[in-house]
Amino acid sequence: MGRHARIAQLARLEEPGLQVADLGCGTGRTVRQLLAYEPALVHALDHASNLDDDLLHDRRVSSRIVDLDHGLPLPDASLDRVTSLNTVEHLADPVAHLGEVHRVLRPGGLLVLAHSDWDTSLFTSTDDALTRRLVDLFVATVPTWVDRADGFMGRKLPALADASGGRGAPFDVLRVDSWADPHRRFDDGSVAYKVAVGMLAAASGEPELARRATGWFDGLHRLAEADQFLFTVTDVAVVLRRA
């Protein structure tokens, strides 16, 4: 079971007629998993329109372009479930964002807040010390296409929930889950490839390190071709109930 399916399962969508939102929906991989449970409607919210065409035309999906740093365009107590994957690290005030989720959830509604903890990225490689250095640099570097990032966000999710209560938007923590799915592919459609490209970008400011990183990257291709490659990263999910 992949991360998107796990998140949908944690959302407890068995009840009929649920109103659901996926925050930071991207192309809609979590949205697809949510739809498998036949909710009444899934609100797919993100800062840009990247949702797959078939989902855009699905009557069960309402797509909106929003700035998640400036509130949610939904009425108070209008949702039964909210999901979010790899979104809060990019927000200016994640705790304020949880306050908005608290506002739009009905009492007893659930938030599945999930995030990869990028500091736990594991690569099979032929140079462990270089891999560790590149992971550390990747985690410490904010990519040029976002305003902010936090490579340690996965482990911080329970504390975010606690801080939300301190600002008057309390949640009950129902469970905390983590997993690290094995990825054997290394091509431009794989998670491992995308993370490795991010590492190359993080190393680009240091010419000697960039040269070594390019060799490291090429080595990952060779390991994958020999069926010796493995990538994992720990995902963390907290299931929160609106108090």
C-alpha atoms as a PDB file:
ATOM      1  CA  MET A   1       0.000   0.000   0.000  1.00  0.00           C
ATOM      2  CA  GLY A   2       1.426   3.390  -1.035  1.00  0.00           C
ATOM      3  CA  ARG A   3       1.423   6.606   0.960  1.00  0.00           C
ATOM      4  CA  HIS A   4      -1.667   8.063  -0.732  1.00  0.00           C
ATOM      5  CA  ALA A   5      -3.719   4.930  -0.086  1.00  0.00           C
ATOM      6  CA  ARG A   6      -2.564   4.867   3.539  1.00  0.00           C
ATOM      7  CA  ILE A   7      -3.667   8.469   4.039  1.00  0.00           C
ATOM      8  CA  ALA A   8      -7.106   7.754   2.578  1.00  0.00           C
ATOM      9  CA  GLN A   9      -7.446   4.694   4.810  1.00  0.00           C
ATOM     10  CA  LEU A  10      -6.504   6.696   7.907  1.00  0.00           C
ATOM     11  CA  ALA A  11      -9.233   9.242   7.059  1.00  0.00           C
ATOM     12  CA  ARG A  12     -11.970   6.719   7.925  1.00  0.00           C
ATOM     13  CA  LEU A  13     -14.197   7.423   4.946  1.00  0.00           C
ATOM     14  CA  GLU A  14     -16.644   4.546   5.328  1.00  0.00           C
ATOM     15  CA  GLU A  15     -19.577   6.768   6.354  1.00  0.00           C
ATOM     16  CA  PRO A  16     -21.816   7.834   3.423  1.00  0.00           C
ATOM     17  CA  GLY A  17     -22.113  11.421   2.258  1.00  0.00           C
ATOM     18  CA  LEU A  18     -18.842  12.782   3.623  1.00  0.00           C
ATOM     19  CA  GLN A  19     -17.490  16.196   2.610  1.00  0.00           C
ATOM     20  CA  VAL A  20     -13.701  15.959   2.249  1.00  0.00           C
ATOM     21  CA  ALA A  21     -10.824  18.299   1.352  1.00  0.00           C
ATOM     22  CA  ASP A  22      -7.296  17.483   0.237  1.00  0.00           C
ATOM     23  CA  LEU A  23      -4.943  20.406   0.878  1.00  0.00           C
ATOM     24  CA  GLY A  24      -1.964  20.765  -1.448  1.00  0.00           C
ATOM     25  CA  CYS A  25      -3.513  18.221  -3.794  1.00  0.00           C
ATOM     26  CA  GLY A  26      -0.924  18.407  -6.618  1.00  0.00           C
ATOM     27  CA  THR A  27      -1.869  16.146  -9.518  1.00  0.00           C
ATOM     28  CA  GLY A  28      -4.469  14.383  -7.381  1.00  0.00           C
ATOM     29  CA  ARG A  29      -2.898  11.121  -6.247  1.00  0.00           C
ATOM     30  CA  THR A  30      -4.471  11.369  -2.782  1.00  0.00           C
ATOM     31  CA  VAL A  31      -7.730  12.629  -4.316  1.00  0.00           C
ATOM     32  CA  ARG A  32      -7.953   9.417  -6.371  1.00  0.00           C
ATOM     33  CA  GLN A  33      -7.577   7.303  -3.258  1.00  0.00           C
ATOM     34  CA  LEU A  34     -10.205   9.353  -1.411  1.00  0.00           C
ATOM     35  CA  LEU A  35     -12.686   8.903  -4.274  1.00  0.00           C
ATOM     36  CA  ALA A  36     -12.381   5.128  -3.969  1.00  0.00           C
ATOM     37  CA  TYR A  37     -14.402   5.426  -0.737  1.00  0.00           C
ATOM     38  CA  GLU A  38     -17.206   7.319  -2.561  1.00  0.00           C
ATOM     39  CA  PRO A  39     -17.477  10.500  -0.474  1.00  0.00           C
ATOM     40  CA  ALA A  40     -20.096  13.049  -1.522  1.00  0.00           C
ATOM     41  CA  LEU A  41     -17.476  15.600  -2.586  1.00  0.00           C
ATOM     42  CA  VAL A  42     -13.706  16.093  -2.479  1.00  0.00           C
ATOM     43  CA  HIS A  43     -12.428  19.685  -2.457  1.00  0.00           C
ATOM     44  CA  ALA A  44      -9.006  19.635  -4.160  1.00  0.00           C
ATOM     45  CA  LEU A  45      -7.088  22.754  -3.084  1.00  0.00           C
ATOM     46  CA  ASP A  46      -3.648  23.922  -4.162  1.00  0.00           C
ATOM     47  CA  HIS A  47      -1.704  27.040  -5.157  1.00  0.00           C
ATOM     48  CA  ALA A  48      -1.659  26.045  -8.846  1.00  0.00           C
ATOM     49  CA  SER A  49      -3.792  24.014 -11.237  1.00  0.00           C
ATOM     50  CA  ASN A  50      -1.924  20.713 -11.560  1.00  0.00           C
ATOM     51  CA  LEU A  51      -4.851  18.354 -11.071  1.00  0.00           C
ATOM     52  CA  ASP A  52      -5.110  15.603 -13.700  1.00  0.00           C
ATOM     53  CA  ASP A  53      -7.688  16.348 -16.410  1.00  0.00           C
ATOM     54  CA  ASP A  54      -9.983  13.444 -15.585  1.00  0.00           C
ATOM     55  CA  LEU A  55     -10.220  14.623 -11.975  1.00  0.00           C
ATOM     56  CA  LEU A  56     -10.933  18.184 -13.082  1.00  0.00           C
ATOM     57  CA  HIS A  57     -13.963  16.848 -14.960  1.00  0.00           C
ATOM     58  CA  ASP A  58     -15.128  14.503 -12.205  1.00  0.00           C
ATOM     59  CA  ARG A  59     -18.394  15.782 -10.710  1.00  0.00           C
ATOM     60  CA  ARG A  60     -17.286  14.456  -7.293  1.00  0.00           C
ATOM     61  CA  VAL A  61     -14.283  16.827  -7.268  1.00  0.00           C
ATOM     62  CA  SER A  62     -14.295  20.575  -6.686  1.00  0.00           C
ATOM     63  CA  SER A  63     -10.934  22.065  -7.680  1.00  0.00           C
ATOM     64  CA  ARG A  64      -9.841  25.479  -6.402  1.00  0.00           C
ATOM     65  CA  ILE A  65      -6.640  27.488  -6.667  1.00  0.00           C
ATOM     66  CA  VAL A  66      -5.897  28.936  -3.227  1.00  0.00           C
ATOM     67  CA  ASP A  67      -3.094  30.444  -1.196  1.00  0.00           C
ATOM     68  CA  LEU A  68      -3.017  28.173   1.838  1.00  0.00           C
ATOM     69  CA  ASP A  69      -1.183  30.881   3.777  1.00  0.00           C
ATOM     70  CA  HIS A  70      -4.311  33.045   3.585  1.00  0.00           C
ATOM     71  CA  GLY A  71      -7.086  30.838   4.900  1.00  0.00           C
ATOM     72  CA  LEU A  72      -9.391  28.263   3.355  1.00  0.00           C
ATOM     73  CA  PRO A  73     -12.267  29.372   1.081  1.00  0.00           C
ATOM     74  CA  LEU A  74     -14.791  27.178   2.873  1.00  0.00           C
ATOM     75  CA  PRO A  75     -17.523  27.891   5.433  1.00  0.00           C
ATOM     76  CA  ASP A  76     -17.191  27.118   9.113  1.00  0.00           C
ATOM     77  CA  ALA A  77     -17.910  23.495  10.098  1.00  0.00           C
ATOM     78  CA  SER A  78     -18.469  22.440   6.475  1.00  0.00           C
ATOM     79  CA  LEU A  79     -16.141  19.426   6.223  1.00  0.00           C
ATOM     80  CA  ASP A  80     -16.048  15.943   7.720  1.00  0.00           C
ATOM     81  CA  ARG A  81     -12.495  15.021   6.722  1.00  0.00           C
ATOM     82  CA  VAL A  82      -9.321  16.859   5.663  1.00  0.00           C
ATOM     83  CA  THR A  83      -6.107  15.336   4.334  1.00  0.00           C
ATOM     84  CA  SER A  84      -2.744  16.975   3.747  1.00  0.00           C
ATOM     85  CA  LEU A  85       0.521  15.470   2.496  1.00  0.00           C
ATOM     86  CA  ASN A  86       3.854  17.313   2.258  1.00  0.00           C
ATOM     87  CA  THR A  87       2.239  20.737   2.432  1.00  0.00           C
ATOM     88  CA  VAL A  88       2.817  22.342   5.835  1.00  0.00           C
ATOM     89  CA  GLU A  89       6.616  22.662   5.465  1.00  0.00           C
ATOM     90  CA  HIS A  90       5.989  25.288   2.783  1.00  0.00           C
ATOM     91  CA  LEU A  91       3.612  27.451   4.841  1.00  0.00           C
ATOM     92  CA  ALA A  92       4.592  30.646   6.654  1.00  0.00           C
ATOM     93  CA  ASP A  93       2.618  29.671   9.779  1.00  0.00           C
ATOM     94  CA  PRO A  94       1.691  25.975   9.919  1.00  0.00           C
ATOM     95  CA  VAL A  95      -0.033  26.398  13.282  1.00  0.00           C
ATOM     96  CA  ALA A  96      -2.313  29.128  11.897  1.00  0.00           C
ATOM     97  CA  HIS A  97      -3.070  26.777   9.005  1.00  0.00           C
ATOM     98  CA  LEU A  98      -4.181  24.100  11.469  1.00  0.00           C
ATOM     99  CA  GLY A  99      -6.412  26.732  13.040  1.00  0.00           C
ATOM    100  CA  GLU A 100      -8.094  27.195   9.649  1.00  0.00           C
ATOM    101  CA  VAL A 101      -8.555  23.448   9.299  1.00  0.00           C
ATOM    102  CA  HIS A 102     -10.113  23.413  12.774  1.00  0.00           C
ATOM    103  CA  ARG A 103     -12.521  26.141  11.666  1.00  0.00           C
ATOM    104  CA  VAL A 104     -13.776  24.317   8.557  1.00  0.00           C
ATOM    105  CA  LEU A 105     -14.072  20.888  10.226  1.00  0.00           C
ATOM    106  CA  ARG A 106     -17.274  19.887  11.928  1.00  0.00           C
ATOM    107  CA  PRO A 107     -16.931  18.898  15.606  1.00  0.00           C
ATOM    108  CA  GLY A 108     -15.568  15.365  15.604  1.00  0.00           C
ATOM    109  CA  GLY A 109     -14.217  15.734  12.066  1.00  0.00           C
ATOM    110  CA  LEU A 110     -10.807  14.277  11.245  1.00  0.00           C
ATOM    111  CA  LEU A 111      -7.596  15.725   9.858  1.00  0.00           C
ATOM    112  CA  VAL A 112      -4.960  13.359   8.496  1.00  0.00           C
ATOM    113  CA  LEU A 113      -1.804  15.455   8.528  1.00  0.00           C
ATOM    114  CA  ALA A 114       1.084  13.668   6.811  1.00  0.00           C
ATOM    115  CA  HIS A 115       4.601  14.575   5.831  1.00  0.00           C
ATOM    116  CA  SER A 116       7.776  12.938   4.613  1.00  0.00           C
ATOM    117  CA  ASP A 117      10.713  13.463   6.953  1.00  0.00           C
ATOM    118  CA  TRP A 118      13.350  14.131   4.305  1.00  0.00           C
ATOM    119  CA  ASP A 119      16.251  13.827   6.757  1.00  0.00           C
ATOM    120  CA  THR A 120      15.528  10.096   6.836  1.00  0.00           C
ATOM    121  CA  SER A 121      16.127   9.647   3.078  1.00  0.00           C
ATOM    122  CA  LEU A 122      17.998   6.395   2.462  1.00  0.00           C
ATOM    123  CA  PHE A 123      19.824   5.635  -0.787  1.00  0.00           C
ATOM    124  CA  THR A 124      21.792   2.584  -1.794  1.00  0.00           C
ATOM    125  CA  SER A 125      25.049   4.026  -3.143  1.00  0.00           C
ATOM    126  CA  THR A 126      28.735   3.251  -3.420  1.00  0.00           C
ATOM    127  CA  ASP A 127      29.751   6.219  -1.228  1.00  0.00           C
ATOM    128  CA  ASP A 128      27.917   6.335   2.095  1.00  0.00           C
ATOM    129  CA  ALA A 129      29.752   9.402   3.405  1.00  0.00           C
ATOM    130  CA  LEU A 130      28.914  11.416   0.287  1.00  0.00           C
ATOM    131  CA  THR A 131      25.307  10.256   0.445  1.00  0.00           C
ATOM    132  CA  ARG A 132      25.045  11.481   4.039  1.00  0.00           C
ATOM    133  CA  ARG A 133      26.583  14.824   3.119  1.00  0.00           C
ATOM    134  CA  LEU A 134      24.175  15.287   0.214  1.00  0.00           C
ATOM    135  CA  VAL A 135      21.153  14.366   2.329  1.00  0.00           C
ATOM    136  CA  ASP A 136      22.215  16.882   4.982  1.00  0.00           C
ATOM    137  CA  LEU A 137      22.674  19.589   2.363  1.00  0.00           C
ATOM    138  CA  PHE A 138      19.350  18.775   0.703  1.00  0.00           C
ATOM    139  CA  VAL A 139      17.531  19.025   4.036  1.00  0.00           C
ATOM    140  CA  ALA A 140      19.187  22.366   4.844  1.00  0.00           C
ATOM    141  CA  THR A 141      18.535  23.963   1.435  1.00  0.00           C
ATOM    142  CA  VAL A 142      15.311  25.721   0.441  1.00  0.00           C
ATOM    143  CA  PRO A 143      14.622  24.930  -3.238  1.00  0.00           C
ATOM    144  CA  THR A 144      14.427  27.907  -5.569  1.00  0.00           C
ATOM    145  CA  TRP A 145      10.803  27.183  -6.542  1.00  0.00           C
ATOM    146  CA  VAL A 146       9.387  27.553  -2.996  1.00  0.00           C
ATOM    147  CA  ASP A 147       9.628  30.253  -0.340  1.00  0.00           C
ATOM    148  CA  ARG A 148      10.354  27.902   2.547  1.00  0.00           C
ATOM    149  CA  ALA A 149      10.947  24.245   3.369  1.00  0.00           C
ATOM    150  CA  ASP A 150      11.640  22.094   6.424  1.00  0.00           C
ATOM    151  CA  GLY A 151      13.250  18.710   5.867  1.00  0.00           C
ATOM    152  CA  PHE A 152      12.500  17.693   9.461  1.00  0.00           C
ATOM    153  CA  MET A 153       8.750  18.409   9.286  1.00  0.00           C
ATOM    154  CA  GLY A 154       7.569  14.805   9.593  1.00  0.00           C
ATOM    155  CA  ARG A 155       8.817  14.459  13.166  1.00  0.00           C
ATOM    156  CA  LYS A 156       7.333  17.855  14.103  1.00  0.00           C
ATOM    157  CA  LEU A 157       3.686  17.049  13.312  1.00  0.00           C
ATOM    158  CA  PRO A 158       2.610  16.035  16.856  1.00  0.00           C
ATOM    159  CA  ALA A 159       4.068  19.273  18.212  1.00  0.00           C
ATOM    160  CA  LEU A 160       2.135  21.280  15.598  1.00  0.00           C
ATOM    161  CA  ALA A 161      -1.097  19.713  16.786  1.00  0.00           C
ATOM    162  CA  ASP A 162      -0.256  20.640  20.379  1.00  0.00           C
ATOM    163  CA  ALA A 163       0.595  24.212  19.380  1.00  0.00           C
ATOM    164  CA  SER A 164      -2.730  24.538  17.560  1.00  0.00           C
ATOM    165  CA  GLY A 165      -4.529  23.823  20.807  1.00  0.00           C
ATOM    166  CA  GLY A 166      -2.472  26.527  22.476  1.00  0.00           C
ATOM    167  CA  ARG A 167      -3.913  29.012  19.980  1.00  0.00           C
ATOM    168  CA  GLY A 168      -7.494  28.036  20.679  1.00  0.00           C
ATOM    169  CA  ALA A 169      -7.956  25.401  17.969  1.00  0.00           C
ATOM    170  CA  PRO A 170      -7.689  22.101  19.868  1.00  0.00           C
ATOM    171  CA  PHE A 171      -7.377  18.656  18.308  1.00  0.00           C
ATOM    172  CA  ASP A 172      -7.347  15.264  19.954  1.00  0.00           C
ATOM    173  CA  VAL A 173      -4.483  13.088  18.693  1.00  0.00           C
ATOM    174  CA  LEU A 174      -6.062   9.740  17.791  1.00  0.00           C
ATOM    175  CA  ARG A 175      -2.941   8.047  16.423  1.00  0.00           C
ATOM    176  CA  VAL A 176       0.527   8.658  15.037  1.00  0.00           C
ATOM    177  CA  ASP A 177       1.722   6.407  12.222  1.00  0.00           C
ATOM    178  CA  SER A 178       4.946   6.147  10.265  1.00  0.00           C
ATOM    179  CA  TRP A 179       6.144   3.995   7.399  1.00  0.00           C
ATOM    180  CA  ALA A 180       9.008   3.786   4.923  1.00  0.00           C
ATOM    181  CA  ASP A 181       7.942   2.254   1.622  1.00  0.00           C
ATOM    182  CA  PRO A 182      10.727   0.618  -0.432  1.00  0.00           C
ATOM    183  CA  HIS A 183      11.346   2.135  -3.873  1.00  0.00           C
ATOM    184  CA  ARG A 184      13.445   0.156  -6.340  1.00  0.00           C
ATOM    185  CA  ARG A 185      13.055   2.401  -9.405  1.00  0.00           C
ATOM    186  CA  PHE A 186      15.421   5.204 -10.343  1.00  0.00           C
ATOM    187  CA  ASP A 187      13.985   7.041 -13.339  1.00  0.00           C
ATOM    188  CA  ASP A 188      12.479  10.471 -13.893  1.00  0.00           C
ATOM    189  CA  GLY A 189       9.040   9.363 -12.703  1.00  0.00           C
ATOM    190  CA  SER A 190      10.237   7.959  -9.386  1.00  0.00           C
ATOM    191  CA  VAL A 191      10.327   9.544  -5.932  1.00  0.00           C
ATOM    192  CA  ALA A 192      13.997   8.576  -5.587  1.00  0.00           C
ATOM    193  CA  TYR A 193      14.922  10.365  -8.799  1.00  0.00           C
ATOM    194  CA  LYS A 194      13.111  13.556  -7.750  1.00  0.00           C
ATOM    195  CA  VAL A 195      14.852  13.618  -4.374  1.00  0.00           C
ATOM    196  CA  ALA A 196      18.237  12.922  -5.968  1.00  0.00           C
ATOM    197  CA  VAL A 197      17.698  15.779  -8.440  1.00  0.00           C
ATOM    198  CA  GLY A 198      16.985  18.012  -5.437  1.00  0.00           C
ATOM    199  CA  MET A 199      20.290  16.933  -3.948  1.00  0.00           C
ATOM    200  CA  LEU A 200      22.120  17.845  -7.156  1.00  0.00           C
ATOM    201  CA  ALA A 201      20.496  21.275  -7.053  1.00  0.00           C
ATOM    202  CA  ALA A 202      21.488  21.732  -3.392  1.00  0.00           C
ATOM    203  CA  ALA A 203      25.117  20.891  -4.239  1.00  0.00           C
ATOM    204  CA  SER A 204      25.292  23.118  -7.316  1.00  0.00           C
ATOM    205  CA  GLY A 205      26.798  26.063  -5.426  1.00  0.00           C
ATOM    206  CA  GLU A 206      29.966  24.126  -4.556  1.00  0.00           C
ATOM    207  CA  PRO A 207      31.791  23.159  -7.796  1.00  0.00           C
ATOM    208  CA  GLU A 208      33.824  20.259  -6.402  1.00  0.00           C
ATOM    209  CA  LEU A 209      30.875  18.831  -4.488  1.00  0.00           C
ATOM    210  CA  ALA A 210      28.654  19.292  -7.551  1.00  0.00           C
ATOM    211  CA  ARG A 211      31.125  17.271  -9.627  1.00  0.00           C
ATOM    212  CA  ARG A 212      31.145  14.466  -7.063  1.00  0.00           C
ATOM    213  CA  ALA A 213      27.360  14.592  -6.764  1.00  0.00           C
ATOM    214  CA  THR A 214      26.988  14.126 -10.507  1.00  0.00           C
ATOM    215  CA  GLY A 215      29.135  10.998 -10.314  1.00  0.00           C
ATOM    216  CA  TRP A 216      27.064   9.803  -7.361  1.00  0.00           C
ATOM    217  CA  PHE A 217      23.862  10.369  -9.355  1.00  0.00           C
ATOM    218  CA  ASP A 218      25.227   8.391 -12.312  1.00  0.00           C
ATOM    219  CA  GLY A 219      26.144   5.614  -9.885  1.00  0.00           C
ATOM    220  CA  LEU A 220      22.505   5.364  -8.751  1.00  0.00           C
ATOM    221  CA  HIS A 221      21.514   4.693 -12.362  1.00  0.00           C
ATOM    222  CA  ARG A 222      24.054   1.879 -12.548  1.00  0.00           C
ATOM    223  CA  LEU A 223      22.841   0.342  -9.295  1.00  0.00           C
ATOM    224  CA  ALA A 224      19.254   0.451 -10.550  1.00  0.00           C
ATOM    225  CA  GLU A 225      20.249  -1.217 -13.806  1.00  0.00           C
ATOM    226  CA  ALA A 226      21.913  -3.981 -11.769  1.00  0.00           C
ATOM    227  CA  ASP A 227      18.743  -4.348  -9.641  1.00  0.00           C
ATOM    228  CA  GLN A 228      20.713  -3.305  -6.525  1.00  0.00           C
ATOM    229  CA  PHE A 229      19.038   0.048  -5.873  1.00  0.00           C
ATOM    230  CA  LEU A 230      16.846   0.926  -2.893  1.00  0.00           C
ATOM    231  CA  PHE A 231      15.391   4.233  -1.716  1.00  0.00           C
ATOM    232  CA  THR A 232      13.181   4.869   1.289  1.00  0.00           C
ATOM    233  CA  VAL A 233      12.063   7.881   3.275  1.00  0.00           C
ATOM    234  CA  THR A 234      10.033   7.858   6.479  1.00  0.00           C
ATOM    235  CA  ASP A 235       6.520   9.275   6.174  1.00  0.00           C
ATOM    236  CA  VAL A 236       4.719  10.386   9.334  1.00  0.00           C
ATOM    237  CA  ALA A 237       0.957  10.813   9.665  1.00  0.00           C
ATOM    238  CA  VAL A 238      -1.022  12.092  12.624  1.00  0.00           C
ATOM    239  CA  VAL A 239      -4.770  11.553  12.793  1.00  0.00           C
ATOM    240  CA  LEU A 240      -6.373  14.487  14.599  1.00  0.00           C
ATOM    241  CA  ARG A 241      -9.986  14.879  15.705  1.00  0.00           C
ATOM    242  CA  ARG A 242     -11.466  18.348  15.987  1.00  0.00           C
ATOM    243  CA  ALA A 243     -12.330  18.866  19.629  1.00  0.00           C
END
